[in-house]
N, C-alpha and C. Protein backbone atom coordinates (compact mmCIF):
# COMPACT_ATOMS: atom_id res chain seq x y z
N UNK A 1 0.11 -0.84 34.00
CA UNK A 1 0.57 -1.00 32.58
C UNK A 1 0.07 0.59 32.02
N UNK A 2 1.05 1.37 31.71
CA UNK A 2 0.67 2.37 30.98
C UNK A 2 -0.44 3.43 31.76
N UNK A 3 -0.82 2.85 32.84
CA UNK A 3 -1.82 3.30 33.96
C UNK A 3 -3.31 3.08 33.81
N UNK A 4 -3.46 1.95 32.69
CA UNK A 4 -4.58 1.11 32.37
C UNK A 4 -4.93 0.45 33.64
N UNK A 5 -6.31 0.67 33.83
CA UNK A 5 -7.31 -0.50 34.47
C UNK A 5 -7.55 -1.85 33.60
N UNK A 6 -7.64 -2.55 34.77
CA UNK A 6 -7.89 -4.07 34.06
C UNK A 6 -8.50 -4.13 33.03
N UNK A 7 -9.74 -3.82 33.80
CA UNK A 7 -10.86 -3.43 32.39
C UNK A 7 -10.49 -3.18 31.30
N UNK A 8 -9.65 -2.33 30.77
CA UNK A 8 -9.03 -1.11 29.58
C UNK A 8 -7.77 -2.38 29.26
N UNK A 9 -6.86 -2.78 29.72
CA UNK A 9 -6.05 -4.00 29.69
C UNK A 9 -6.76 -5.11 29.00
N UNK A 10 -7.91 -5.83 30.00
CA UNK A 10 -8.65 -7.07 29.31
C UNK A 10 -8.86 -6.69 27.62
N UNK A 11 -9.37 -5.69 27.27
CA UNK A 11 -9.94 -5.48 25.66
C UNK A 11 -8.57 -5.45 24.97
N UNK A 12 -7.45 -4.75 25.54
CA UNK A 12 -6.57 -4.12 24.51
C UNK A 12 -5.75 -5.33 24.49
N UNK A 13 -5.70 -6.50 25.39
CA UNK A 13 -4.53 -7.39 25.06
C UNK A 13 -5.25 -8.57 24.48
N UNK A 14 -6.62 -8.28 24.05
CA UNK A 14 -7.47 -9.48 23.28
C UNK A 14 -7.05 -9.25 21.65
N UNK A 15 -6.09 -7.51 21.68
CA UNK A 15 -6.09 -7.12 20.07
C UNK A 15 -4.46 -7.20 20.00
N UNK A 16 -4.46 -8.15 19.58
CA UNK A 16 -2.87 -8.81 19.90
C UNK A 16 -2.14 -8.77 17.83
N UNK A 17 -3.34 -8.71 17.08
CA UNK A 17 -2.67 -8.67 15.71
C UNK A 17 -3.30 -7.47 15.23
N UNK A 18 -2.61 -6.83 14.05
CA UNK A 18 -3.28 -5.70 13.29
C UNK A 18 -4.61 -6.11 12.82
N UNK A 19 -5.34 -7.31 12.28
CA UNK A 19 -6.58 -7.82 11.96
C UNK A 19 -7.74 -7.45 13.23
N UNK A 20 -7.12 -8.24 14.30
CA UNK A 20 -8.13 -7.87 15.54
C UNK A 20 -8.21 -6.76 16.26
N UNK A 21 -7.58 -5.71 15.85
CA UNK A 21 -7.39 -4.26 16.07
C UNK A 21 -8.51 -3.88 15.06
N UNK A 22 -7.96 -3.80 13.96
CA UNK A 22 -8.86 -3.29 12.75
C UNK A 22 -10.19 -3.70 13.19
N UNK A 23 -10.74 -4.90 13.24
CA UNK A 23 -12.03 -5.54 13.22
C UNK A 23 -12.60 -5.12 14.85
N UNK A 24 -12.22 -4.56 15.73
CA UNK A 24 -12.40 -4.07 16.88
C UNK A 24 -12.93 -2.41 16.49
N UNK A 25 -12.32 -1.27 16.20
CA UNK A 25 -12.00 -0.49 15.56
C UNK A 25 -13.53 -0.62 14.33
N UNK A 26 -13.64 -1.47 13.70
CA UNK A 26 -14.79 -1.83 12.52
C UNK A 26 -16.14 -1.59 13.86
N UNK A 27 -16.15 -1.99 14.77
CA UNK A 27 -17.11 -2.09 15.74
C UNK A 27 -17.73 -1.01 16.96
N UNK A 28 -16.77 0.27 16.54
CA UNK A 28 -17.05 1.38 17.25
C UNK A 28 -17.86 1.98 16.51
N UNK A 29 -19.03 2.86 17.17
CA UNK A 29 -19.44 3.85 16.16
C UNK A 29 -18.54 5.01 16.04
N UNK A 30 -18.66 5.82 15.24
CA UNK A 30 -17.91 6.84 14.70
C UNK A 30 -18.43 8.41 15.56
N UNK A 31 -17.75 9.00 16.23
CA UNK A 31 -17.42 10.07 17.03
C UNK A 31 -17.81 11.46 16.15
N UNK A 32 -19.00 11.83 16.13
CA UNK A 32 -19.80 12.62 15.15
C UNK A 32 -19.34 13.96 15.99
N UNK A 33 -18.81 13.77 17.12
CA UNK A 33 -17.98 15.51 17.82
C UNK A 33 -19.45 16.08 18.27
N UNK A 34 -20.71 15.65 18.18
CA UNK A 34 -22.07 16.63 18.51
C UNK A 34 -21.70 17.39 19.71
N UNK A 35 -21.09 17.59 20.85
CA UNK A 35 -20.72 18.32 21.88
C UNK A 35 -19.85 19.52 21.59
N UNK A 36 -18.91 19.04 20.53
CA UNK A 36 -17.88 20.09 20.18
C UNK A 36 -16.56 19.09 19.91
N UNK A 37 -15.64 19.16 19.20
CA UNK A 37 -14.16 19.13 18.79
C UNK A 37 -13.63 18.26 20.19
N UNK A 38 -13.53 16.85 19.87
CA UNK A 38 -12.37 16.21 20.88
C UNK A 38 -11.39 15.29 19.83
N UNK A 39 -10.22 15.60 20.82
CA UNK A 39 -8.88 14.42 20.62
C UNK A 39 -8.94 13.91 21.46
N UNK A 40 -10.02 12.63 21.97
CA UNK A 40 -9.44 11.62 23.15
C UNK A 40 -8.66 10.91 23.12
N UNK A 41 -8.07 10.67 24.39
CA UNK A 41 -7.32 9.86 25.04
C UNK A 41 -7.67 8.24 24.31
N UNK A 42 -7.00 7.35 24.04
CA UNK A 42 -7.66 6.26 24.38
C UNK A 42 -8.77 5.42 25.59
N UNK A 43 -7.82 6.02 26.79
CA UNK A 43 -9.05 5.86 27.86
C UNK A 43 -10.53 6.39 27.75
N UNK A 44 -10.26 7.52 27.35
CA UNK A 44 -11.25 8.25 27.38
C UNK A 44 -12.50 8.13 25.98
N UNK A 45 -11.48 7.15 24.76
CA UNK A 45 -12.19 6.56 23.51
C UNK A 45 -12.83 5.36 24.46
N UNK A 46 -12.27 4.52 24.64
CA UNK A 46 -12.97 3.11 25.27
C UNK A 46 -13.75 3.35 26.11
N UNK A 47 -13.95 4.42 27.02
CA UNK A 47 -14.78 4.89 27.87
C UNK A 47 -16.46 5.19 27.07
N UNK A 48 -16.08 6.17 26.32
CA UNK A 48 -17.26 6.78 25.38
C UNK A 48 -17.64 5.85 24.14
N UNK A 49 -16.90 4.94 24.30
CA UNK A 49 -17.27 3.77 23.20
C UNK A 49 -17.77 4.41 21.74
N UNK A 50 -16.94 5.23 21.19
CA UNK A 50 -17.29 5.81 19.64
C UNK A 50 -15.83 6.71 19.48
N UNK A 51 -15.27 6.62 18.37
CA UNK A 51 -14.04 7.44 17.73
C UNK A 51 -14.36 7.64 16.38
N UNK A 52 -13.16 8.89 16.43
CA UNK A 52 -13.25 9.41 14.62
C UNK A 52 -12.00 8.65 14.47
N UNK A 53 -11.23 9.23 13.09
CA UNK A 53 -9.70 8.67 12.61
C UNK A 53 -8.83 8.66 13.73
N UNK A 54 -8.52 10.18 14.44
CA UNK A 54 -7.55 10.55 15.18
C UNK A 54 -7.38 9.73 16.40
N UNK A 55 -8.73 9.08 17.23
CA UNK A 55 -8.84 8.93 18.15
C UNK A 55 -9.06 7.06 17.78
N UNK A 56 -9.53 6.86 16.93
CA UNK A 56 -9.38 5.26 16.54
C UNK A 56 -7.69 4.83 16.09
N UNK A 57 -6.84 5.88 15.67
CA UNK A 57 -5.10 5.49 14.95
C UNK A 57 -4.65 5.52 16.88
N UNK A 58 -5.19 6.27 17.77
CA UNK A 58 -4.35 6.28 19.19
C UNK A 58 -4.76 4.80 19.63
N UNK A 59 -5.53 4.19 19.52
CA UNK A 59 -6.17 2.99 20.32
C UNK A 59 -5.39 1.78 19.84
N UNK A 60 -5.46 2.07 17.95
CA UNK A 60 -4.76 1.11 17.44
C UNK A 60 -3.38 1.22 17.83
N UNK A 61 -2.66 2.25 17.88
CA UNK A 61 -1.46 2.55 17.95
C UNK A 61 -0.95 2.05 19.82
N UNK A 62 -1.64 2.45 20.41
CA UNK A 62 -1.57 2.07 21.67
C UNK A 62 -1.59 0.30 21.77
N UNK A 63 -2.59 -0.45 21.15
CA UNK A 63 -2.65 -1.79 21.51
C UNK A 63 -1.34 -2.24 20.76
N UNK A 64 -1.03 -1.77 19.45
CA UNK A 64 0.61 -2.28 19.19
C UNK A 64 1.64 -2.23 20.13
N UNK A 65 1.57 -1.09 20.71
CA UNK A 65 2.37 -0.70 22.07
C UNK A 65 2.45 -1.74 22.91
N UNK A 66 1.16 -2.18 23.23
CA UNK A 66 1.28 -3.31 24.21
C UNK A 66 1.68 -4.43 24.23
N UNK A 67 1.78 -4.65 22.60
CA UNK A 67 2.49 -6.43 21.99
C UNK A 67 3.48 -5.96 21.61
N UNK A 68 4.44 -5.18 22.21
CA UNK A 68 5.69 -5.09 21.50
C UNK A 68 5.94 -4.12 20.66
N UNK A 69 5.47 -3.34 19.90
CA UNK A 69 5.41 -2.50 18.36
C UNK A 69 5.35 -1.24 19.22
N UNK A 70 6.18 -0.47 18.20
CA UNK A 70 6.46 1.01 18.11
C UNK A 70 4.81 1.31 17.88
N UNK A 71 4.42 2.65 18.53
CA UNK A 71 3.32 3.31 18.20
C UNK A 71 3.16 4.40 17.24
N UNK A 72 3.25 3.84 15.94
CA UNK A 72 3.47 5.25 15.14
C UNK A 72 2.26 5.50 14.18
N UNK A 73 2.05 6.65 14.03
CA UNK A 73 0.78 7.17 13.47
C UNK A 73 1.52 8.02 11.89
N UNK A 74 0.56 7.95 10.95
CA UNK A 74 0.99 8.90 9.71
C UNK A 74 -0.61 9.68 9.42
N UNK A 75 -0.23 10.74 8.84
CA UNK A 75 -1.42 12.13 8.94
C UNK A 75 -1.31 12.18 7.24
N UNK A 76 -2.39 12.53 6.78
CA UNK A 76 -2.65 13.03 5.71
C UNK A 76 -3.34 14.36 5.92
N UNK A 77 -2.75 14.98 4.25
CA UNK A 77 -3.18 16.48 4.29
C UNK A 77 -3.51 16.97 3.24
N UNK A 78 -4.77 17.41 2.98
CA UNK A 78 -5.50 17.33 1.61
C UNK A 78 -6.10 19.16 1.77
N UNK A 79 -7.09 19.09 0.41
CA UNK A 79 -6.98 20.33 0.19
C UNK A 79 -8.47 20.35 0.02
N UNK A 80 -9.51 21.34 0.98
CA UNK A 80 -10.56 21.47 0.83
C UNK A 80 -11.81 20.24 1.44
N UNK A 81 -11.02 19.59 1.86
CA UNK A 81 -11.34 18.33 3.33
C UNK A 81 -11.04 18.20 4.27
N UNK A 82 -11.41 17.13 4.99
CA UNK A 82 -10.70 17.01 6.19
C UNK A 82 -9.50 15.94 6.23
N UNK A 83 -8.60 16.10 7.28
CA UNK A 83 -7.44 15.13 7.16
C UNK A 83 -7.86 13.75 7.75
N UNK A 84 -6.64 13.05 7.75
CA UNK A 84 -6.90 11.76 8.08
C UNK A 84 -5.89 11.12 8.41
N UNK A 85 -5.84 10.17 9.68
CA UNK A 85 -4.69 10.39 10.40
C UNK A 85 -4.67 8.29 10.67
N UNK A 86 -3.90 7.60 10.93
CA UNK A 86 -3.93 6.18 10.50
C UNK A 86 -2.93 5.55 11.49
N UNK A 87 -3.24 4.49 11.95
CA UNK A 87 -1.54 3.97 12.71
C UNK A 87 -0.84 3.08 11.82
N UNK A 88 0.35 2.81 11.76
CA UNK A 88 1.22 2.25 10.84
C UNK A 88 1.81 0.72 11.45
N UNK A 89 1.87 0.10 10.95
CA UNK A 89 2.49 -1.59 11.18
C UNK A 89 3.45 -1.82 10.46
N UNK A 90 4.09 -2.92 10.65
CA UNK A 90 4.99 -3.72 9.61
C UNK A 90 5.57 -4.88 9.94
N UNK A 91 5.39 -5.84 8.63
CA UNK A 91 5.26 -7.16 8.86
C UNK A 91 6.28 -7.92 7.81
N UNK A 92 7.29 -8.49 8.41
CA UNK A 92 8.31 -8.52 7.31
C UNK A 92 9.07 -7.62 6.50
N UNK A 93 9.01 -6.37 6.43
CA UNK A 93 9.71 -5.28 5.86
C UNK A 93 8.71 -4.78 5.37
N UNK A 94 7.83 -5.01 5.30
CA UNK A 94 6.28 -4.36 4.64
C UNK A 94 5.26 -3.48 5.33
N UNK A 95 5.15 -2.19 4.97
CA UNK A 95 4.13 -1.42 5.79
C UNK A 95 2.89 -1.62 5.77
N UNK A 96 1.71 -1.67 6.56
CA UNK A 96 0.17 -1.69 6.59
C UNK A 96 0.02 -0.68 7.45
N UNK A 97 -1.48 -0.23 7.26
CA UNK A 97 -2.38 0.54 8.01
C UNK A 97 -3.82 0.15 8.98
N UNK A 98 -3.85 0.27 9.94
CA UNK A 98 -4.89 0.29 10.65
C UNK A 98 -5.47 1.85 10.76
N UNK A 99 -7.30 1.74 10.08
CA UNK A 99 -8.04 2.93 9.75
C UNK A 99 -9.19 3.21 10.33
N UNK A 100 -9.48 3.86 11.41
CA UNK A 100 -10.90 4.45 11.44
C UNK A 100 -11.58 5.00 10.39
N UNK A 101 -12.37 4.33 9.87
CA UNK A 101 -13.08 5.60 8.74
C UNK A 101 -14.77 5.57 8.94
N UNK A 102 -15.65 6.51 8.67
CA UNK A 102 -17.07 6.19 8.61
C UNK A 102 -17.31 5.84 7.04
N UNK A 103 -16.21 5.79 6.08
CA UNK A 103 -16.76 5.76 4.77
C UNK A 103 -16.24 4.45 4.10
N UNK A 104 -16.53 4.18 3.17
CA UNK A 104 -16.39 2.96 2.47
C UNK A 104 -14.82 2.97 1.63
N UNK A 105 -14.00 4.15 2.15
CA UNK A 105 -13.05 4.07 1.72
C UNK A 105 -11.61 4.34 2.85
N UNK A 106 -10.87 4.63 2.23
CA UNK A 106 -9.72 4.90 3.62
C UNK A 106 -9.83 3.90 4.40
N UNK A 107 -9.67 2.87 4.13
CA UNK A 107 -9.89 1.86 5.61
C UNK A 107 -8.59 0.95 5.83
N UNK A 108 -8.25 -0.10 6.08
CA UNK A 108 -7.44 -1.00 6.48
C UNK A 108 -6.31 -1.37 5.33
N UNK A 109 -5.47 -1.46 5.64
CA UNK A 109 -4.25 -1.52 4.66
C UNK A 109 -3.40 -2.73 5.38
N UNK A 110 -3.59 -4.14 4.35
CA UNK A 110 -2.72 -5.17 4.41
C UNK A 110 -0.86 -4.83 4.28
N UNK A 111 -0.39 -5.64 4.86
CA UNK A 111 1.01 -5.12 5.01
C UNK A 111 1.95 -5.53 3.01
N UNK A 112 1.48 -4.87 2.61
CA UNK A 112 2.05 -5.11 1.16
C UNK A 112 3.04 -4.01 0.55
N UNK A 113 2.98 -2.74 1.37
CA UNK A 113 4.06 -2.16 0.74
C UNK A 113 5.44 -1.54 1.32
N UNK A 114 6.35 -1.60 0.40
CA UNK A 114 7.25 -1.53 0.77
C UNK A 114 7.70 -0.27 1.30
N UNK A 115 7.37 0.66 0.78
CA UNK A 115 7.72 2.60 1.38
C UNK A 115 6.16 2.76 1.90
N UNK A 116 6.60 3.87 2.68
CA UNK A 116 5.22 4.42 3.41
C UNK A 116 4.89 5.52 2.36
N UNK A 117 5.70 5.95 0.88
CA UNK A 117 4.80 6.65 -0.12
C UNK A 117 3.97 5.37 -0.77
N UNK A 118 4.47 4.45 -1.10
CA UNK A 118 3.49 3.32 -1.93
C UNK A 118 2.07 3.18 -0.98
N UNK A 119 2.72 3.43 0.68
CA UNK A 119 1.23 2.87 1.42
C UNK A 119 0.11 4.28 1.03
N UNK A 120 1.21 5.43 1.29
CA UNK A 120 0.19 6.69 0.93
C UNK A 120 -0.25 6.52 -0.37
N UNK A 121 0.08 6.39 -1.28
CA UNK A 121 -0.70 6.58 -2.67
C UNK A 121 -1.50 5.58 -2.75
N UNK A 122 -1.82 4.47 -2.06
CA UNK A 122 -2.67 3.76 -1.88
C UNK A 122 -4.22 4.18 -1.22
N UNK A 123 -3.96 5.55 -0.73
CA UNK A 123 -4.91 6.31 -0.53
C UNK A 123 -5.83 7.53 -1.22
N UNK A 124 -4.66 7.72 -2.52
CA UNK A 124 -4.57 8.70 -3.17
C UNK A 124 -6.14 8.38 -4.01
N UNK A 125 -6.25 7.51 -4.69
CA UNK A 125 -7.32 7.37 -5.49
C UNK A 125 -8.84 7.58 -4.67
N UNK A 126 -9.14 7.18 -3.32
CA UNK A 126 -9.87 7.36 -2.64
C UNK A 126 -10.24 8.83 -1.75
N UNK A 127 -8.98 9.41 -2.03
CA UNK A 127 -9.58 10.64 -1.42
C UNK A 127 -10.19 11.92 -2.08
N UNK A 128 -11.37 11.77 -2.38
CA UNK A 128 -12.04 12.89 -3.43
C UNK A 128 -13.36 13.61 -2.45
N UNK A 129 -13.51 14.87 -3.25
CA UNK A 129 -14.66 15.47 -2.87
C UNK A 129 -15.65 14.99 -3.59
N UNK A 130 -16.81 14.64 -2.37
CA UNK A 130 -17.94 14.36 -3.03
C UNK A 130 -18.90 14.60 -3.67
N UNK A 131 -19.02 16.14 -3.79
CA UNK A 131 -19.71 17.11 -4.58
C UNK A 131 -19.15 17.53 -6.04
N UNK A 132 -17.88 17.13 -6.05
CA UNK A 132 -17.04 16.91 -7.66
C UNK A 132 -16.30 16.63 -7.76
N UNK A 133 -15.91 15.69 -7.11
CA UNK A 133 -14.93 14.30 -7.57
C UNK A 133 -13.55 14.88 -7.29
N UNK A 134 -13.22 15.97 -7.18
CA UNK A 134 -11.93 16.34 -7.04
C UNK A 134 -11.18 15.49 -6.41
N UNK A 135 -9.93 15.06 -6.73
CA UNK A 135 -9.30 14.63 -5.79
C UNK A 135 -8.09 15.63 -5.14
N UNK A 136 -8.46 15.13 -3.39
CA UNK A 136 -8.05 16.01 -2.32
C UNK A 136 -6.82 16.03 -1.71
N UNK A 137 -6.33 14.13 -1.98
CA UNK A 137 -5.14 14.31 -0.97
C UNK A 137 -3.85 15.00 -1.51
N UNK A 138 -3.32 15.79 -1.12
CA UNK A 138 -1.91 16.25 -1.55
C UNK A 138 -0.52 16.43 -0.92
N UNK A 139 -0.65 15.28 0.47
CA UNK A 139 0.53 15.43 1.17
C UNK A 139 0.24 14.73 2.23
N UNK A 140 1.43 13.40 3.12
CA UNK A 140 1.67 12.65 3.86
C UNK A 140 2.75 12.57 4.92
N UNK A 141 2.30 12.53 6.02
CA UNK A 141 3.70 12.71 7.25
C UNK A 141 4.86 11.98 6.76
N UNK A 142 6.10 12.51 6.40
CA UNK A 142 7.53 11.72 5.62
C UNK A 142 7.58 10.91 6.79
N UNK A 143 8.02 10.63 7.85
CA UNK A 143 8.54 9.87 8.63
C UNK A 143 7.16 9.59 9.50
N UNK A 144 7.30 8.19 10.11
CA UNK A 144 6.64 7.55 11.25
C UNK A 144 6.07 8.65 12.28
N UNK A 145 5.65 8.81 12.64
CA UNK A 145 5.38 9.97 13.79
C UNK A 145 5.27 8.95 15.20
N UNK A 146 5.92 8.81 15.85
CA UNK A 146 6.14 7.86 17.48
C UNK A 146 5.64 8.55 18.21
N UNK A 147 4.62 8.05 18.92
CA UNK A 147 4.23 8.67 20.25
C UNK A 147 4.75 8.37 21.27
N UNK A 148 5.92 7.39 21.26
CA UNK A 148 6.45 7.54 22.55
C UNK A 148 7.04 8.71 23.27
N UNK A 149 7.61 9.51 22.29
CA UNK A 149 8.07 10.72 22.92
C UNK A 149 7.18 11.63 23.92
N UNK A 150 5.86 11.50 23.38
CA UNK A 150 4.92 11.81 24.87
C UNK A 150 5.10 11.30 26.03
N UNK A 151 5.80 9.81 26.05
CA UNK A 151 5.87 9.09 27.39
C UNK A 151 4.24 8.18 27.21
N UNK A 152 3.49 8.02 28.74
CA UNK A 152 2.33 7.58 28.95
C UNK A 152 1.23 8.63 28.68
N UNK A 153 1.50 9.65 29.29
CA UNK A 153 0.75 10.84 29.41
C UNK A 153 -0.50 10.48 28.37
N UNK A 154 -0.14 10.48 27.26
CA UNK A 154 -1.50 10.39 26.40
C UNK A 154 -2.36 9.20 26.22
N UNK A 155 -2.24 8.32 26.62
CA UNK A 155 -2.91 6.79 27.13
C UNK A 155 -4.04 7.21 28.09
N UNK A 156 -3.61 8.10 29.11
CA UNK A 156 -4.83 7.90 29.79
C UNK A 156 -5.10 9.61 30.12
N UNK A 157 -4.81 10.52 29.70
CA UNK A 157 -4.98 11.97 29.63
C UNK A 157 -6.87 11.92 29.81
N UNK A 158 -7.28 13.32 30.40
CA UNK A 158 -8.75 13.60 30.55
C UNK A 158 -8.56 14.76 29.68
N UNK A 159 -7.60 15.31 29.53
CA UNK A 159 -7.72 16.76 28.47
C UNK A 159 -7.80 16.48 27.08
N UNK A 160 -8.16 17.06 26.12
CA UNK A 160 -8.23 16.75 24.63
C UNK A 160 -6.37 16.95 24.25
N UNK A 161 -6.28 16.08 23.37
CA UNK A 161 -4.74 16.15 23.16
C UNK A 161 -4.56 16.91 21.77
N UNK A 162 -4.26 18.08 22.11
CA UNK A 162 -4.29 19.01 21.25
C UNK A 162 -3.02 19.31 20.65
N UNK A 163 -2.08 18.94 21.93
CA UNK A 163 -0.29 19.11 21.35
C UNK A 163 -0.08 18.10 20.42
N UNK A 164 -0.67 17.00 20.39
CA UNK A 164 -0.15 15.79 19.58
C UNK A 164 -0.36 15.92 18.23
N UNK A 165 -1.93 16.36 18.38
CA UNK A 165 -2.85 16.90 16.88
C UNK A 165 -1.84 17.95 16.25
N UNK A 166 -1.12 19.35 17.31
CA UNK A 166 -0.92 20.08 16.17
C UNK A 166 0.95 19.89 16.02
N UNK A 167 1.38 18.92 16.71
CA UNK A 167 2.81 18.48 16.19
C UNK A 167 2.32 17.46 14.65
N UNK A 168 1.76 16.86 15.24
CA UNK A 168 1.12 16.18 13.99
C UNK A 168 1.14 16.83 12.99
N UNK A 169 0.02 17.76 12.93
CA UNK A 169 0.38 18.50 11.54
C UNK A 169 1.61 19.41 11.46
N UNK A 170 2.12 19.44 12.32
CA UNK A 170 3.42 20.62 11.62
C UNK A 170 4.70 19.52 11.21
N UNK A 171 4.36 18.22 11.79
CA UNK A 171 5.31 17.35 11.16
C UNK A 171 5.75 17.54 10.08
N UNK A 172 6.83 17.64 8.83
CA UNK A 172 7.29 17.08 8.09
C UNK A 172 6.54 16.13 7.02
N UNK A 173 6.21 17.42 5.89
CA UNK A 173 5.12 16.19 5.26
C UNK A 173 5.78 16.19 3.41
N UNK A 174 5.15 15.21 2.66
CA UNK A 174 6.02 14.94 1.18
C UNK A 174 4.90 15.22 0.51
N UNK A 175 4.86 16.11 -0.54
CA UNK A 175 4.22 15.94 -1.31
C UNK A 175 3.58 14.89 -2.45
N UNK A 176 2.44 14.55 -3.08
CA UNK A 176 2.14 12.80 -3.06
C UNK A 176 2.25 13.88 -4.37
N UNK A 177 1.69 14.79 -5.05
CA UNK A 177 1.53 14.61 -6.58
C UNK A 177 2.33 15.34 -7.11
N UNK A 178 3.05 14.44 -8.27
CA UNK A 178 4.05 15.60 -8.56
C UNK A 178 3.77 16.89 -9.21
N UNK A 179 4.35 17.81 -9.72
CA UNK A 179 3.83 18.93 -10.03
C UNK A 179 3.52 19.03 -11.60
N UNK A 180 4.21 18.02 -12.46
CA UNK A 180 3.90 17.80 -13.76
C UNK A 180 2.50 17.21 -13.93
N UNK A 181 2.40 16.68 -12.76
CA UNK A 181 1.11 15.70 -13.68
C UNK A 181 -0.25 16.26 -12.62
N UNK A 182 -0.06 17.60 -12.07
CA UNK A 182 -1.07 18.07 -11.14
C UNK A 182 -2.51 18.47 -12.26
N UNK A 183 -2.44 18.58 -13.18
CA UNK A 183 -3.23 18.79 -14.21
C UNK A 183 -3.94 17.73 -15.09
N UNK A 184 -3.09 16.65 -14.46
CA UNK A 184 -3.75 15.77 -15.02
C UNK A 184 -4.45 14.90 -14.53
N UNK A 185 -5.26 14.85 -13.51
CA UNK A 185 -5.65 13.95 -12.38
C UNK A 185 -7.23 13.97 -13.14
N UNK A 186 -7.57 12.91 -13.09
CA UNK A 186 -9.16 12.72 -13.86
C UNK A 186 -9.83 12.93 -12.03
N UNK A 187 -11.17 13.39 -12.29
CA UNK A 187 -12.45 13.52 -11.20
C UNK A 187 -12.66 11.75 -10.94
N UNK A 188 -12.74 11.74 -10.04
CA UNK A 188 -14.05 10.86 -9.35
C UNK A 188 -15.10 10.68 -10.27
N UNK A 189 -15.78 9.51 -10.65
CA UNK A 189 -17.11 9.25 -11.75
C UNK A 189 -17.94 9.30 -10.72
N UNK A 190 -19.05 8.98 -11.64
CA UNK A 190 -20.08 9.31 -10.83
C UNK A 190 -20.70 8.24 -10.02
N UNK A 191 -20.55 6.72 -10.56
CA UNK A 191 -20.19 5.93 -9.97
C UNK A 191 -19.13 5.73 -8.35
N UNK A 192 -18.16 6.54 -8.14
CA UNK A 192 -17.25 6.36 -7.68
C UNK A 192 -17.67 7.18 -6.47
N UNK A 193 -18.38 7.91 -6.58
CA UNK A 193 -18.66 9.72 -6.09
C UNK A 193 -20.21 8.58 -5.08
N UNK A 194 -20.97 7.85 -5.77
CA UNK A 194 -22.21 7.16 -5.58
C UNK A 194 -21.38 6.36 -4.09
N UNK A 195 -20.54 5.56 -4.64
CA UNK A 195 -20.28 4.81 -3.42
C UNK A 195 -19.42 5.62 -2.15
N UNK A 196 -18.88 6.46 -2.32
CA UNK A 196 -17.98 7.26 -1.61
C UNK A 196 -19.20 8.06 -0.78
N UNK A 197 -20.54 8.27 -1.04
CA UNK A 197 -21.61 8.28 0.10
C UNK A 197 -21.84 7.29 1.46
N UNK A 198 -21.45 6.21 1.06
CA UNK A 198 -22.21 5.12 1.94
C UNK A 198 -21.45 5.61 3.18
N UNK A 199 -22.25 5.55 4.20
CA UNK A 199 -21.49 5.50 5.66
C UNK A 199 -21.83 4.26 6.27
N UNK A 200 -21.29 4.06 7.28
CA UNK A 200 -21.73 3.28 8.35
C UNK A 200 -22.64 3.86 9.50
N UNK A 201 -22.13 4.94 10.16
CA UNK A 201 -22.72 5.53 11.15
C UNK A 201 -23.56 6.80 10.54
N UNK A 202 -24.50 7.13 10.94
CA UNK A 202 -25.32 8.22 10.73
C UNK A 202 -25.36 8.96 11.96
N UNK A 203 -25.17 10.54 11.52
CA UNK A 203 -24.92 11.19 12.59
C UNK A 203 -26.20 11.34 13.72
N UNK A 204 -27.43 10.65 13.13
CA UNK A 204 -29.12 10.59 14.10
C UNK A 204 -28.80 9.48 14.79
N UNK A 205 -27.58 8.45 14.79
CA UNK A 205 -27.47 7.46 15.43
C UNK A 205 -27.42 7.72 16.72
N UNK A 206 -27.94 6.87 18.07
CA UNK A 206 -28.00 7.61 19.26
C UNK A 206 -26.42 7.35 19.91
N UNK A 207 -25.79 6.24 19.27
CA UNK A 207 -24.61 5.69 19.70
C UNK A 207 -23.30 6.62 19.59
N UNK A 208 -23.65 7.20 18.44
CA UNK A 208 -22.44 8.59 17.65
C UNK A 208 -22.31 9.68 18.80
């Protein structure tokens, strides 16, 4: 099944709901990429037992796919900070998201969003620069990014998945800030920035 081993399937088959998938991702240490930039396949990620947002989104999308759902991603683009990638799911006509993050923000979303813009906008207030509080989220991928177009190769690939990352970056994106309101944005306050500095996994942790 997708070239996965019995042990890999055993892990993924247990993840039969978005909540179970998110709970699993939350147990994984963050991938600080200590030996260089990585974009690992789900197989490599499960073996490494650590992940960053893109790698976590792929594992989540694969788990959804194994249980009969589409493996869909959404990409967030920002100014002066790192992009973020989430896995999408839908329940009774409403969108939700599964997200791997090392922070107290940019996390799981329950299926209560009628449109993808609603879902993306729910992340806007959380996406700021910790040094100055400036809101940095500027755009989100307009349509669900369907991993099925890559076949099954990405599931077990040993090489870095730069092709998927580049295609996701190049996919059409929708600007999230209305031009007339760009100058009206309030910066995150000191309390928000204080909370934003909380992380789950420090870079010095041996598992990362």
